[in-house]
PDB file of N, CA and C in Angstrom:
ATOM      1  N   MET A   1     -48.742-115.114 -49.391  1.00  0.00           N
ATOM      2  CA  MET A   1     -48.130-114.192 -49.668  1.00  0.00           C
ATOM      3  C   MET A   1     -47.800-113.883 -50.254  1.00  0.00           C
ATOM      4  N   ASN A   2     -47.534-112.884 -51.294  1.00  0.00           N
ATOM      5  CA  ASN A   2     -46.651-112.606 -52.231  1.00  0.00           C
ATOM      6  C   ASN A   2     -45.394-110.788 -51.637  1.00  0.00           C
ATOM      7  N   ASN A   3     -44.774-111.277 -50.897  1.00  0.00           N
ATOM      8  CA  ASN A   3     -43.750-109.802 -51.438  1.00  0.00           C
ATOM      9  C   ASN A   3     -43.169-109.409 -52.741  1.00  0.00           C
ATOM     10  N   ILE A   4     -43.596-108.323 -52.827  1.00  0.00           N
ATOM     11  CA  ILE A   4     -43.343-107.750 -53.863  1.00  0.00           C
ATOM     12  C   ILE A   4     -42.145-106.607 -53.674  1.00  0.00           C
ATOM     13  N   LEU A   5     -40.841-107.018 -54.552  1.00  0.00           N
ATOM     14  CA  LEU A   5     -39.933-105.455 -54.588  1.00  0.00           C
ATOM     15  C   LEU A   5     -39.994-104.808 -56.196  1.00  0.00           C
ATOM     16  N   THR A   6     -40.328-103.633 -54.985  1.00  0.00           N
ATOM     17  CA  THR A   6     -39.717-102.349 -56.481  1.00  0.00           C
ATOM     18  C   THR A   6     -38.415-101.956 -56.412  1.00  0.00           C
ATOM     19  N   LEU A   7     -38.003-101.467 -57.954  1.00  0.00           N
ATOM     20  CA  LEU A   7     -36.727-100.749 -57.818  1.00  0.00           C
ATOM     21  C   LEU A   7     -36.973 -99.167 -57.863  1.00  0.00           C
ATOM     22  N   HIS A   8     -38.379 -98.520 -58.268  1.00  0.00           N
ATOM     23  CA  HIS A   8     -38.148 -96.767 -57.949  1.00  0.00           C
ATOM     24  C   HIS A   8     -38.478 -96.494 -56.082  1.00  0.00           C
ATOM     25  N   PRO A   9     -38.013 -95.748 -56.300  1.00  0.00           N
ATOM     26  CA  PRO A   9     -38.833 -95.057 -54.994  1.00  0.00           C
ATOM     27  C   PRO A   9     -40.190 -94.763 -55.577  1.00  0.00           C
ATOM     28  N   PRO A  10     -40.405 -94.343 -54.186  1.00  0.00           N
ATOM     29  CA  PRO A  10     -41.857 -93.373 -54.392  1.00  0.00           C
ATOM     30  C   PRO A  10     -41.991 -92.172 -54.614  1.00  0.00           C
ATOM     31  N   ILE A  11     -42.875 -91.655 -55.418  1.00  0.00           N
ATOM     32  CA  ILE A  11     -43.108 -90.401 -55.694  1.00  0.00           C
ATOM     33  C   ILE A  11     -42.724 -88.977 -54.707  1.00  0.00           C
ATOM     34  N   SER A  12     -42.889 -89.263 -53.107  1.00  0.00           N
ATOM     35  CA  SER A  12     -41.936 -88.679 -52.837  1.00  0.00           C
ATOM     36  C   SER A  12     -40.528 -88.348 -52.959  1.00  0.00           C
ATOM     37  N   LEU A  13     -39.888 -89.427 -52.650  1.00  0.00           N
ATOM     38  CA  LEU A  13     -38.647 -89.016 -52.404  1.00  0.00           C
ATOM     39  C   LEU A  13     -38.057 -88.655 -53.965  1.00  0.00           C
ATOM     40  N   ARG A  14     -38.475 -88.838 -54.895  1.00  0.00           N
ATOM     41  CA  ARG A  14     -38.415 -88.479 -56.049  1.00  0.00           C
ATOM     42  C   ARG A  14     -38.408 -86.704 -56.221  1.00  0.00           C
ATOM     43  N   PHE A  15     -39.750 -86.085 -55.590  1.00  0.00           N
ATOM     44  CA  PHE A  15     -40.355 -84.875 -55.623  1.00  0.00           C
ATOM     45  C   PHE A  15     -38.741 -83.576 -54.361  1.00  0.00           C
ATOM     46  N   LYS A  16     -38.627 -84.453 -53.541  1.00  0.00           N
ATOM     47  CA  LYS A  16     -38.002 -84.095 -52.089  1.00  0.00           C
ATOM     48  C   LYS A  16     -36.692 -83.822 -53.201  1.00  0.00           C
ATOM     49  N   LEU A  17     -35.979 -84.715 -54.418  1.00  0.00           N
ATOM     50  CA  LEU A  17     -34.600 -84.343 -55.094  1.00  0.00           C
ATOM     51  C   LEU A  17     -34.764 -83.448 -55.839  1.00  0.00           C
ATOM     52  N   LYS A  18     -35.863 -83.509 -56.508  1.00  0.00           N
ATOM     53  CA  LYS A  18     -35.647 -82.397 -57.356  1.00  0.00           C
ATOM     54  C   LYS A  18     -35.885 -81.299 -56.523  1.00  0.00           C
ATOM     55  N   PHE A  19     -36.795 -80.890 -55.306  1.00  0.00           N
ATOM     56  CA  PHE A  19     -36.878 -79.782 -54.351  1.00  0.00           C
ATOM     57  C   PHE A  19     -35.478 -79.378 -54.432  1.00  0.00           C
ATOM     58  N   ASN A  20     -34.568 -80.191 -54.054  1.00  0.00           N
ATOM     59  CA  ASN A  20     -33.634 -80.425 -52.953  1.00  0.00           C
ATOM     60  C   ASN A  20     -32.336 -79.322 -54.104  1.00  0.00           C
ATOM     61  N   LEU A  21     -32.338 -80.296 -55.719  1.00  0.00           N
ATOM     62  CA  LEU A  21     -32.058 -79.757 -56.653  1.00  0.00           C
ATOM     63  C   LEU A  21     -31.923 -78.739 -56.678  1.00  0.00           C
ATOM     64  N   LYS A  22     -33.165 -78.038 -56.764  1.00  0.00           N
ATOM     65  CA  LYS A  22     -33.493 -76.653 -56.990  1.00  0.00           C
ATOM     66  C   LYS A  22     -32.975 -75.769 -55.552  1.00  0.00           C
ATOM     67  N   LEU A  23     -33.185 -75.703 -54.923  1.00  0.00           N
ATOM     68  CA  LEU A  23     -32.746 -75.123 -54.105  1.00  0.00           C
ATOM     69  C   LEU A  23     -31.753 -74.952 -54.062  1.00  0.00           C
ATOM     70  N   PHE A  24     -30.610 -76.058 -53.899  1.00  0.00           N
ATOM     71  CA  PHE A  24     -28.806 -76.430 -54.134  1.00  0.00           C
ATOM     72  C   PHE A  24     -28.638 -75.250 -55.333  1.00  0.00           C
ATOM     73  N   TRP A  25     -29.443 -75.148 -56.823  1.00  0.00           N
ATOM     74  CA  TRP A  25     -29.100 -74.196 -57.786  1.00  0.00           C
ATOM     75  C   TRP A  25     -29.449 -72.711 -57.381  1.00  0.00           C
ATOM     76  N   ILE A  26     -30.513 -72.623 -57.033  1.00  0.00           N
ATOM     77  CA  ILE A  26     -30.980 -71.119 -55.641  1.00  0.00           C
ATOM     78  C   ILE A  26     -29.274 -70.708 -55.330  1.00  0.00           C
ATOM     79  N   THR A  27     -29.426 -72.055 -54.062  1.00  0.00           N
ATOM     80  CA  THR A  27     -28.379 -71.166 -53.570  1.00  0.00           C
ATOM     81  C   THR A  27     -27.231 -70.823 -53.872  1.00  0.00           C
ATOM     82  N   LEU A  28     -26.402 -71.639 -54.765  1.00  0.00           N
ATOM     83  CA  LEU A  28     -25.593 -71.648 -55.291  1.00  0.00           C
ATOM     84  C   LEU A  28     -25.002 -70.827 -56.489  1.00  0.00           C
ATOM     85  N   SER A  29     -26.262 -69.802 -57.108  1.00  0.00           N
ATOM     86  CA  SER A  29     -26.504 -68.546 -57.947  1.00  0.00           C
ATOM     87  C   SER A  29     -26.125 -67.680 -56.678  1.00  0.00           C
ATOM     88  N   ILE A  30     -27.023 -67.297 -55.581  1.00  0.00           N
ATOM     89  CA  ILE A  30     -27.035 -65.921 -54.697  1.00  0.00           C
ATOM     90  C   ILE A  30     -25.156 -66.616 -54.169  1.00  0.00           C
ATOM     91  N   LEU A  31     -24.716 -67.694 -53.499  1.00  0.00           N
ATOM     92  CA  LEU A  31     -23.654 -67.457 -53.571  1.00  0.00           C
ATOM     93  C   LEU A  31     -22.344 -67.730 -54.694  1.00  0.00           C
ATOM     94  N   ILE A  32     -22.536 -67.408 -56.016  1.00  0.00           N
ATOM     95  CA  ILE A  32     -21.983 -66.916 -56.649  1.00  0.00           C
ATOM     96  C   ILE A  32     -21.819 -65.189 -56.935  1.00  0.00           C
ATOM     97  N   ILE A  33     -22.881 -64.964 -56.593  1.00  0.00           N
ATOM     98  CA  ILE A  33     -23.309 -63.497 -56.511  1.00  0.00           C
ATOM     99  C   ILE A  33     -22.877 -62.541 -55.744  1.00  0.00           C
ATOM    100  N   THR A  34     -22.904 -62.941 -54.952  1.00  0.00           N
ATOM    101  CA  THR A  34     -22.199 -62.626 -53.317  1.00  0.00           C
ATOM    102  C   THR A  34     -20.254 -62.594 -53.539  1.00  0.00           C
ATOM    103  N   LEU A  35     -20.075 -63.379 -53.808  1.00  0.00           N
ATOM    104  CA  LEU A  35     -18.642 -63.647 -54.273  1.00  0.00           C
ATOM    105  C   LEU A  35     -18.120 -62.753 -54.963  1.00  0.00           C
ATOM    106  N   LEU A  36     -18.958 -62.526 -56.503  1.00  0.00           N
ATOM    107  CA  LEU A  36     -18.608 -61.253 -57.245  1.00  0.00           C
ATOM    108  C   LEU A  36     -18.853 -59.846 -56.524  1.00  0.00           C
ATOM    109  N   GLY A  37     -19.662 -59.774 -56.521  1.00  0.00           N
ATOM    110  CA  GLY A  37     -20.069 -58.625 -55.785  1.00  0.00           C
ATOM    111  C   GLY A  37     -19.059 -58.176 -54.961  1.00  0.00           C
ATOM    112  N   LEU A  38     -18.513 -59.344 -53.576  1.00  0.00           N
ATOM    113  CA  LEU A  38     -17.262 -58.849 -52.685  1.00  0.00           C
ATOM    114  C   LEU A  38     -16.333 -58.674 -53.665  1.00  0.00           C
ATOM    115  N   TYR A  39     -16.278 -59.276 -54.914  1.00  0.00           N
ATOM    116  CA  TYR A  39     -14.373 -59.225 -55.369  1.00  0.00           C
ATOM    117  C   TYR A  39     -14.567 -57.687 -56.244  1.00  0.00           C
ATOM    118  N   ILE A  40     -15.920 -57.074 -57.025  1.00  0.00           N
ATOM    119  CA  ILE A  40     -15.855 -56.245 -56.817  1.00  0.00           C
ATOM    120  C   ILE A  40     -15.362 -55.007 -56.198  1.00  0.00           C
ATOM    121  N   PHE A  41     -16.511 -55.341 -55.087  1.00  0.00           N
ATOM    122  CA  PHE A  41     -15.780 -54.110 -54.122  1.00  0.00           C
ATOM    123  C   PHE A  41     -14.443 -54.526 -53.875  1.00  0.00           C
ATOM    124  N   GLN A  42     -13.404 -55.918 -53.341  1.00  0.00           N
ATOM    125  CA  GLN A  42     -12.202 -55.760 -53.148  1.00  0.00           C
ATOM    126  C   GLN A  42     -11.468 -54.954 -53.859  1.00  0.00           C
ATOM    127  N   VAL A  43     -11.549 -55.417 -55.522  1.00  0.00           N
ATOM    128  CA  VAL A  43     -10.501 -54.140 -56.285  1.00  0.00           C
ATOM    129  C   VAL A  43     -10.909 -53.291 -56.294  1.00  0.00           C
ATOM    130  N   ASN A  44     -11.894 -52.777 -56.432  1.00  0.00           N
ATOM    131  CA  ASN A  44     -12.724 -51.377 -56.032  1.00  0.00           C
ATOM    132  C   ASN A  44     -11.400 -50.479 -54.959  1.00  0.00           C
ATOM    133  N   TYR A  45     -11.418 -51.157 -53.644  1.00  0.00           N
ATOM    134  CA  TYR A  45     -11.150 -50.612 -52.867  1.00  0.00           C
ATOM    135  C   TYR A  45      -9.583 -51.087 -52.799  1.00  0.00           C
ATOM    136  N   LEU A  46      -9.311 -52.118 -53.204  1.00  0.00           N
ATOM    137  CA  LEU A  46      -7.449 -52.002 -53.987  1.00  0.00           C
ATOM    138  C   LEU A  46      -6.469 -50.570 -55.145  1.00  0.00           C
ATOM    139  N   THR A  47      -7.742 -51.021 -55.616  1.00  0.00           N
ATOM    140  CA  THR A  47      -7.316 -49.385 -56.558  1.00  0.00           C
ATOM    141  C   THR A  47      -7.460 -48.324 -55.816  1.00  0.00           C
ATOM    142  N   TYR A  48      -8.800 -47.770 -55.130  1.00  0.00           N
ATOM    143  CA  TYR A  48      -8.287 -46.636 -53.948  1.00  0.00           C
ATOM    144  C   TYR A  48      -7.061 -46.399 -53.194  1.00  0.00           C
ATOM    145  N   GLU A  49      -7.029 -47.067 -52.896  1.00  0.00           N
ATOM    146  CA  GLU A  49      -5.414 -47.512 -51.958  1.00  0.00           C
ATOM    147  C   GLU A  49      -4.466 -46.609 -52.779  1.00  0.00           C
ATOM    148  N   THR A  50      -4.235 -48.036 -53.846  1.00  0.00           N
ATOM    149  CA  THR A  50      -3.345 -47.397 -54.346  1.00  0.00           C
ATOM    150  C   THR A  50      -2.833 -46.074 -55.195  1.00  0.00           C
ATOM    151  N   TYR A  51      -4.502 -45.360 -55.436  1.00  0.00           N
ATOM    152  CA  TYR A  51      -4.486 -44.332 -56.029  1.00  0.00           C
ATOM    153  C   TYR A  51      -3.607 -43.416 -54.960  1.00  0.00           C
ATOM    154  N   GLN A  52      -4.342 -43.673 -53.290  1.00  0.00           N
ATOM    155  CA  GLN A  52      -3.845 -42.749 -52.389  1.00  0.00           C
ATOM    156  C   GLN A  52      -2.043 -43.385 -51.793  1.00  0.00           C
ATOM    157  N   LEU A  53      -1.883 -44.156 -52.467  1.00  0.00           N
ATOM    158  CA  LEU A  53      -0.174 -44.212 -52.310  1.00  0.00           C
ATOM    159  C   LEU A  53       0.057 -43.709 -53.269  1.00  0.00           C
ATOM    160  N   GLN A  54       0.017 -43.610 -54.260  1.00  0.00           N
ATOM    161  CA  GLN A  54       0.663 -42.720 -55.192  1.00  0.00           C
ATOM    162  C   GLN A  54       0.854 -41.737 -54.674  1.00  0.00           C
ATOM    163  N   ASN A  55      -0.581 -41.080 -54.313  1.00  0.00           N
ATOM    164  CA  ASN A  55      -1.033 -39.215 -54.167  1.00  0.00           C
ATOM    165  C   ASN A  55       0.329 -39.029 -52.776  1.00  0.00           C
ATOM    166  N   SER A  56       0.291 -39.844 -51.828  1.00  0.00           N
ATOM    167  CA  SER A  56       0.760 -39.643 -50.665  1.00  0.00           C
ATOM    168  C   SER A  56       2.573 -39.346 -51.116  1.00  0.00           C
ATOM    169  N   GLN A  57       3.255 -40.155 -52.243  1.00  0.00           N
ATOM    170  CA  GLN A  57       4.337 -40.639 -52.283  1.00  0.00           C
ATOM    171  C   GLN A  57       4.498 -39.636 -53.273  1.00  0.00           C
ATOM    172  N   LYS A  58       3.839 -38.439 -53.963  1.00  0.00           N
ATOM    173  CA  LYS A  58       4.116 -37.481 -54.885  1.00  0.00           C
ATOM    174  C   LYS A  58       4.230 -37.083 -53.009  1.00  0.00           C
ATOM    175  N   LYS A  59       3.217 -36.489 -52.782  1.00  0.00           N
ATOM    176  CA  LYS A  59       3.383 -35.335 -51.308  1.00  0.00           C
ATOM    177  C   LYS A  59       5.004 -35.630 -50.781  1.00  0.00           C
ATOM    178  N   ILE A  60       4.955 -36.970 -50.654  1.00  0.00           N
ATOM    179  CA  ILE A  60       6.869 -37.394 -49.979  1.00  0.00           C
ATOM    180  C   ILE A  60       7.639 -36.324 -50.225  1.00  0.00           C
ATOM    181  N   ASP A  61       7.420 -36.903 -51.650  1.00  0.00           N
ATOM    182  CA  ASP A  61       8.480 -36.261 -52.791  1.00  0.00           C
ATOM    183  C   ASP A  61       8.565 -34.066 -52.952  1.00  0.00           C
ATOM    184  N   GLU A  62       7.191 -33.800 -52.736  1.00  0.00           N
ATOM    185  CA  GLU A  62       7.530 -32.985 -52.727  1.00  0.00           C
ATOM    186  C   GLU A  62       8.069 -32.676 -51.544  1.00  0.00           C
ATOM    187  N   LEU A  63       7.540 -32.237 -50.754  1.00  0.00           N
ATOM    188  CA  LEU A  63       8.413 -31.928 -49.653  1.00  0.00           C
ATOM    189  C   LEU A  63       9.505 -32.279 -48.932  1.00  0.00           C
ATOM    190  N   SER A  64      10.803 -32.947 -49.425  1.00  0.00           N
ATOM    191  CA  SER A  64      11.650 -33.103 -49.647  1.00  0.00           C
ATOM    192  C   SER A  64      12.451 -32.613 -50.092  1.00  0.00           C
ATOM    193  N   PHE A  65      11.395 -31.890 -51.758  1.00  0.00           N
ATOM    194  CA  PHE A  65      12.284 -31.528 -52.274  1.00  0.00           C
ATOM    195  C   PHE A  65      12.671 -29.543 -52.052  1.00  0.00           C
ATOM    196  N   GLU A  66      11.348 -29.547 -50.967  1.00  0.00           N
ATOM    197  CA  GLU A  66      11.501 -28.643 -50.326  1.00  0.00           C
ATOM    198  C   GLU A  66      12.176 -28.510 -49.271  1.00  0.00           C
ATOM    199  N   ASN A  67      12.332 -29.629 -48.292  1.00  0.00           N
ATOM    200  CA  ASN A  67      12.909 -29.551 -47.726  1.00  0.00           C
ATOM    201  C   ASN A  67      14.409 -28.974 -47.829  1.00  0.00           C
ATOM    202  N   GLU A  68      15.199 -29.747 -49.031  1.00  0.00           N
ATOM    203  CA  GLU A  68      16.209 -29.894 -49.777  1.00  0.00           C
ATOM    204  C   GLU A  68      16.214 -27.992 -49.826  1.00  0.00           C
ATOM    205  N   ILE A  69      15.692 -27.093 -50.362  1.00  0.00           N
ATOM    206  CA  ILE A  69      15.819 -25.899 -50.643  1.00  0.00           C
ATOM    207  C   ILE A  69      15.758 -25.139 -49.156  1.00  0.00           C
ATOM    208  N   LEU A  70      15.093 -25.521 -48.565  1.00  0.00           N
ATOM    209  CA  LEU A  70      15.057 -24.460 -47.324  1.00  0.00           C
ATOM    210  C   LEU A  70      16.274 -24.849 -46.514  1.00  0.00           C
ATOM    211  N   GLU A  71      16.980 -25.958 -46.082  1.00  0.00           N
ATOM    212  CA  GLU A  71      17.805 -26.608 -45.709  1.00  0.00           C
ATOM    213  C   GLU A  71      19.702 -25.786 -46.454  1.00  0.00           C
ATOM    214  N   ILE A  72      19.208 -25.426 -47.950  1.00  0.00           N
ATOM    215  CA  ILE A  72      19.899 -24.364 -48.423  1.00  0.00           C
ATOM    216  C   ILE A  72      20.802 -23.345 -48.233  1.00  0.00           C
ATOM    217  N   LYS A  73      18.789 -22.624 -48.128  1.00  0.00           N
ATOM    218  CA  LYS A  73      18.510 -21.566 -48.140  1.00  0.00           C
ATOM    219  C   LYS A  73      18.810 -21.033 -46.461  1.00  0.00           C
ATOM    220  N   LEU A  74      18.967 -21.669 -45.365  1.00  0.00           N
ATOM    221  CA  LEU A  74      19.281 -21.643 -44.093  1.00  0.00           C
ATOM    222  C   LEU A  74      20.639 -22.060 -43.337  1.00  0.00           C
ATOM    223  N   ALA A  75      21.302 -22.722 -44.743  1.00  0.00           N
ATOM    224  CA  ALA A  75      22.724 -22.648 -44.367  1.00  0.00           C
ATOM    225  C   ALA A  75      23.554 -21.204 -44.850  1.00  0.00           C
ATOM    226  N   LYS A  76      22.572 -20.834 -46.774  1.00  0.00           N
ATOM    227  CA  LYS A  76      23.037 -19.116 -46.804  1.00  0.00           C
ATOM    228  C   LYS A  76      22.765 -18.390 -45.792  1.00  0.00           C
ATOM    229  N   LEU A  77      21.609 -18.459 -45.080  1.00  0.00           N
ATOM    230  CA  LEU A  77      21.941 -17.183 -44.554  1.00  0.00           C
ATOM    231  C   LEU A  77      22.256 -17.307 -42.967  1.00  0.00           C
ATOM    232  N   THR A  78      22.635 -18.531 -42.401  1.00  0.00           N
ATOM    233  CA  THR A  78      23.180 -18.389 -41.459  1.00  0.00           C
ATOM    234  C   THR A  78      25.222 -18.700 -41.848  1.00  0.00           C
ATOM    235  N   SER A  79      25.574 -18.122 -43.032  1.00  0.00           N
ATOM    236  CA  SER A  79      26.927 -18.542 -43.381  1.00  0.00           C
ATOM    237  C   SER A  79      27.343 -17.125 -42.214  1.00  0.00           C
ATOM    238  N   LEU A  80      28.978 -17.394 -42.636  1.00  0.00           N
ATOM    239  CA  LEU A  80      29.527 -15.775 -41.641  1.00  0.00           C
ATOM    240  C   LEU A  80      29.283 -14.537 -42.587  1.00  0.00           C
ATOM    241  N   VAL A  81      29.274 -14.586 -43.968  1.00  0.00           N
ATOM    242  CA  VAL A  81      29.436 -13.617 -44.282  1.00  0.00           C
ATOM    243  C   VAL A  81      27.890 -12.981 -44.057  1.00  0.00           C
ATOM    244  N   ASN A  82      26.555 -13.558 -43.884  1.00  0.00           N
ATOM    245  CA  ASN A  82      25.440 -12.887 -43.318  1.00  0.00           C
ATOM    246  C   ASN A  82      25.460 -12.291 -42.092  1.00  0.00           C
ATOM    247  N   ILE A  83      26.168 -13.264 -41.356  1.00  0.00           N
ATOM    248  CA  ILE A  83      26.032 -12.885 -40.175  1.00  0.00           C
ATOM    249  C   ILE A  83      26.469 -11.672 -39.888  1.00  0.00           C
ATOM    250  N   GLU A  84      28.309 -11.656 -40.328  1.00  0.00           N
ATOM    251  CA  GLU A  84      28.499  -9.945 -39.904  1.00  0.00           C
ATOM    252  C   GLU A  84      27.376  -9.250 -40.999  1.00  0.00           C
ATOM    253  N   THR A  85      27.017  -8.567 -41.799  1.00  0.00           N
ATOM    254  CA  THR A  85      25.865  -8.218 -42.024  1.00  0.00           C
ATOM    255  C   THR A  85      24.690  -7.481 -41.521  1.00  0.00           C
ATOM    256  N   LEU A  86      24.756  -8.661 -40.798  1.00  0.00           N
ATOM    257  CA  LEU A  86      22.982  -8.910 -39.753  1.00  0.00           C
ATOM    258  C   LEU A  86      23.433  -8.262 -38.469  1.00  0.00           C
ATOM    259  N   ILE A  87      25.115  -8.140 -37.974  1.00  0.00           N
ATOM    260  CA  ILE A  87      25.146  -7.634 -37.018  1.00  0.00           C
ATOM    261  C   ILE A  87      25.588  -6.189 -37.534  1.00  0.00           C
ATOM    262  N   GLU A  88      25.823  -5.433 -38.837  1.00  0.00           N
ATOM    263  CA  GLU A  88      26.271  -4.493 -38.984  1.00  0.00           C
ATOM    264  C   GLU A  88      24.886  -3.974 -39.146  1.00  0.00           C
ATOM    265  N   LYS A  89      24.384  -4.945 -39.249  1.00  0.00           N
ATOM    266  CA  LYS A  89      22.699  -4.207 -39.811  1.00  0.00           C
ATOM    267  C   LYS A  89      22.084  -3.459 -38.722  1.00  0.00           C
ATOM    268  N   PHE A  90      21.477  -4.248 -37.598  1.00  0.00           N
ATOM    269  CA  PHE A  90      21.345  -4.409 -36.352  1.00  0.00           C
ATOM    270  C   PHE A  90      22.004  -3.011 -34.892  1.00  0.00           C
ATOM    271  N   ASN A  91      23.373  -2.616 -35.550  1.00  0.00           N
ATOM    272  CA  ASN A  91      23.781  -2.129 -35.084  1.00  0.00           C
ATOM    273  C   ASN A  91      24.657  -2.633 -33.744  1.00  0.00           C
ATOM    274  N   PHE A  92      25.047  -3.995 -33.650  1.00  0.00           N
ATOM    275  CA  PHE A  92      25.779  -3.990 -32.548  1.00  0.00           C
ATOM    276  C   PHE A  92      27.552  -3.990 -32.508  1.00  0.00           C
ATOM    277  N   GLU A  93      27.541  -4.101 -31.005  1.00  0.00           N
ATOM    278  CA  GLU A  93      29.031  -3.680 -31.228  1.00  0.00           C
ATOM    279  C   GLU A  93      30.085  -4.583 -30.708  1.00  0.00           C
ATOM    280  N   LYS A  94      30.619  -5.288 -30.355  1.00  0.00           N
ATOM    281  CA  LYS A  94      32.372  -5.659 -30.201  1.00  0.00           C
ATOM    282  C   LYS A  94      32.212  -5.292 -28.609  1.00  0.00           C
ATOM    283  N   ALA A  95      32.221  -6.341 -28.024  1.00  0.00           N
ATOM    284  CA  ALA A  95      31.823  -6.082 -26.331  1.00  0.00           C
ATOM    285  C   ALA A  95      33.956  -5.668 -26.207  1.00  0.00           C
ATOM    286  N   ASN A  96      34.249  -5.110 -25.818  1.00  0.00           N
ATOM    287  CA  ASN A  96      35.332  -4.880 -25.774  1.00  0.00           C
ATOM    288  C   ASN A  96      36.273  -5.602 -24.207  1.00  0.00           C
ATOM    289  N   LYS A  97      35.399  -5.394 -23.375  1.00  0.00           N
ATOM    290  CA  LYS A  97      35.777  -5.213 -22.237  1.00  0.00           C
ATOM    291  C   LYS A  97      34.566  -5.422 -21.292  1.00  0.00           C
ATOM    292  N   ILE A  98      34.673  -6.873 -20.643  1.00  0.00           N
ATOM    293  CA  ILE A  98      33.249  -7.693 -19.581  1.00  0.00           C
ATOM    294  C   ILE A  98      33.186  -7.204 -18.272  1.00  0.00           C
ATOM    295  N   HIS A  99      32.529  -7.223 -17.884  1.00  0.00           N
ATOM    296  CA  HIS A  99      32.680  -6.767 -16.535  1.00  0.00           C
ATOM    297  C   HIS A  99      31.701  -8.095 -15.601  1.00  0.00           C
ATOM    298  N   TYR A 100      31.849  -9.048 -14.866  1.00  0.00           N
ATOM    299  CA  TYR A 100      31.283  -9.676 -13.607  1.00  0.00           C
ATOM    300  C   TYR A 100      30.596  -8.967 -12.697  1.00  0.00           C
ATOM    301  N   ILE A 101      29.309  -9.413 -12.460  1.00  0.00           N
ATOM    302  CA  ILE A 101      29.009  -9.056 -10.927  1.00  0.00           C
ATOM    303  C   ILE A 101      29.338 -10.039  -9.720  1.00  0.00           C
ATOM    304  N   GLN A 102      30.263  -9.255  -8.940  1.00  0.00           N
ATOM    305  CA  GLN A 102      30.451 -10.274  -7.916  1.00  0.00           C
ATOM    306  C   GLN A 102      29.633 -10.201  -6.507  1.00  0.00           C
ATOM    307  N   ILE A 103      28.553 -11.043  -6.254  1.00  0.00           N
ATOM    308  CA  ILE A 103      28.100 -11.304  -5.137  1.00  0.00           C
ATOM    309  C   ILE A 103      29.179 -12.552  -3.889  1.00  0.00           C
ATOM    310  N   SER A 104      28.203 -11.570  -2.912  1.00  0.00           N
ATOM    311  CA  SER A 104      29.344 -12.112  -1.640  1.00  0.00           C
ATOM    312  C   SER A 104      28.110 -12.991  -1.008  1.00  0.00           C
ATOM    313  N   GLU A 105      29.104 -13.885  -0.382  1.00  0.00           N
ATOM    314  CA  GLU A 105      28.117 -15.123   0.220  1.00  0.00           C
ATOM    315  C   GLU A 105      26.803 -14.406   1.297  1.00  0.00           C
ATOM    316  N   SER A 106      27.657 -13.273   2.256  1.00  0.00           N
ATOM    317  CA  SER A 106      26.553 -12.569   3.241  1.00  0.00           C
ATOM    318  C   SER A 106      25.321 -11.882   2.644  1.00  0.00           C
ATOM    319  N   GLN A 107      25.241 -11.088   1.129  1.00  0.00           N
ATOM    320  CA  GLN A 107      23.981 -10.736  -0.044  1.00  0.00           C
ATOM    321  C   GLN A 107      23.359 -12.299  -0.551  1.00  0.00           C
ATOM    322  N   ILE A 108      23.571 -13.115  -0.191  1.00  0.00           N
ATOM    323  CA  ILE A 108      22.662 -14.321  -1.257  1.00  0.00           C
ATOM    324  C   ILE A 108      21.592 -14.463   0.293  1.00  0.00           C
ATOM    325  N   VAL A 109      20.351 -14.352  -0.121  1.00  0.00           N
ATOM    326  CA  VAL A 109      19.488 -15.028   1.161  1.00  0.00           C
ATOM    327  C   VAL A 109      19.796 -16.828   1.217  1.00  0.00           C
ATOM    328  N   LYS A 110      19.062 -17.316   2.351  1.00  0.00           N
ATOM    329  CA  LYS A 110      18.662 -18.468   2.459  1.00  0.00           C
ATOM    330  C   LYS A 110      17.846 -18.757   3.522  1.00  0.00           C
ATOM    331  N   GLU A 111      17.316 -19.521   2.912  1.00  0.00           N
ATOM    332  CA  GLU A 111      15.441 -20.166   3.279  1.00  0.00           C
ATOM    333  C   GLU A 111      16.055 -21.257   5.022  1.00  0.00           C
TER     334      GLU A 111
END
């Protein structure tokens, strides 16, 4: 009996290698496209968040400036000169003599 040794793999093995290589390239292409899409989405989201942060910072600056103006106005309105003017405007009078109500213990209600 003659034994023959061949170096070439059978035809079916070659076909499987080519098919797997084709499947590999298709899978790799889909993966690259998916990762590229995710990258674009993340960059877009990061840009949006940066824009929102800048808008919020502008609002904070505007409100801080307005708050300082209101504090200055409040300090002017509550100064002694303005309080005396308001007292005269509303016809308040200075209390000369203060009378306190005296309550004796017999008038207190007990339970």
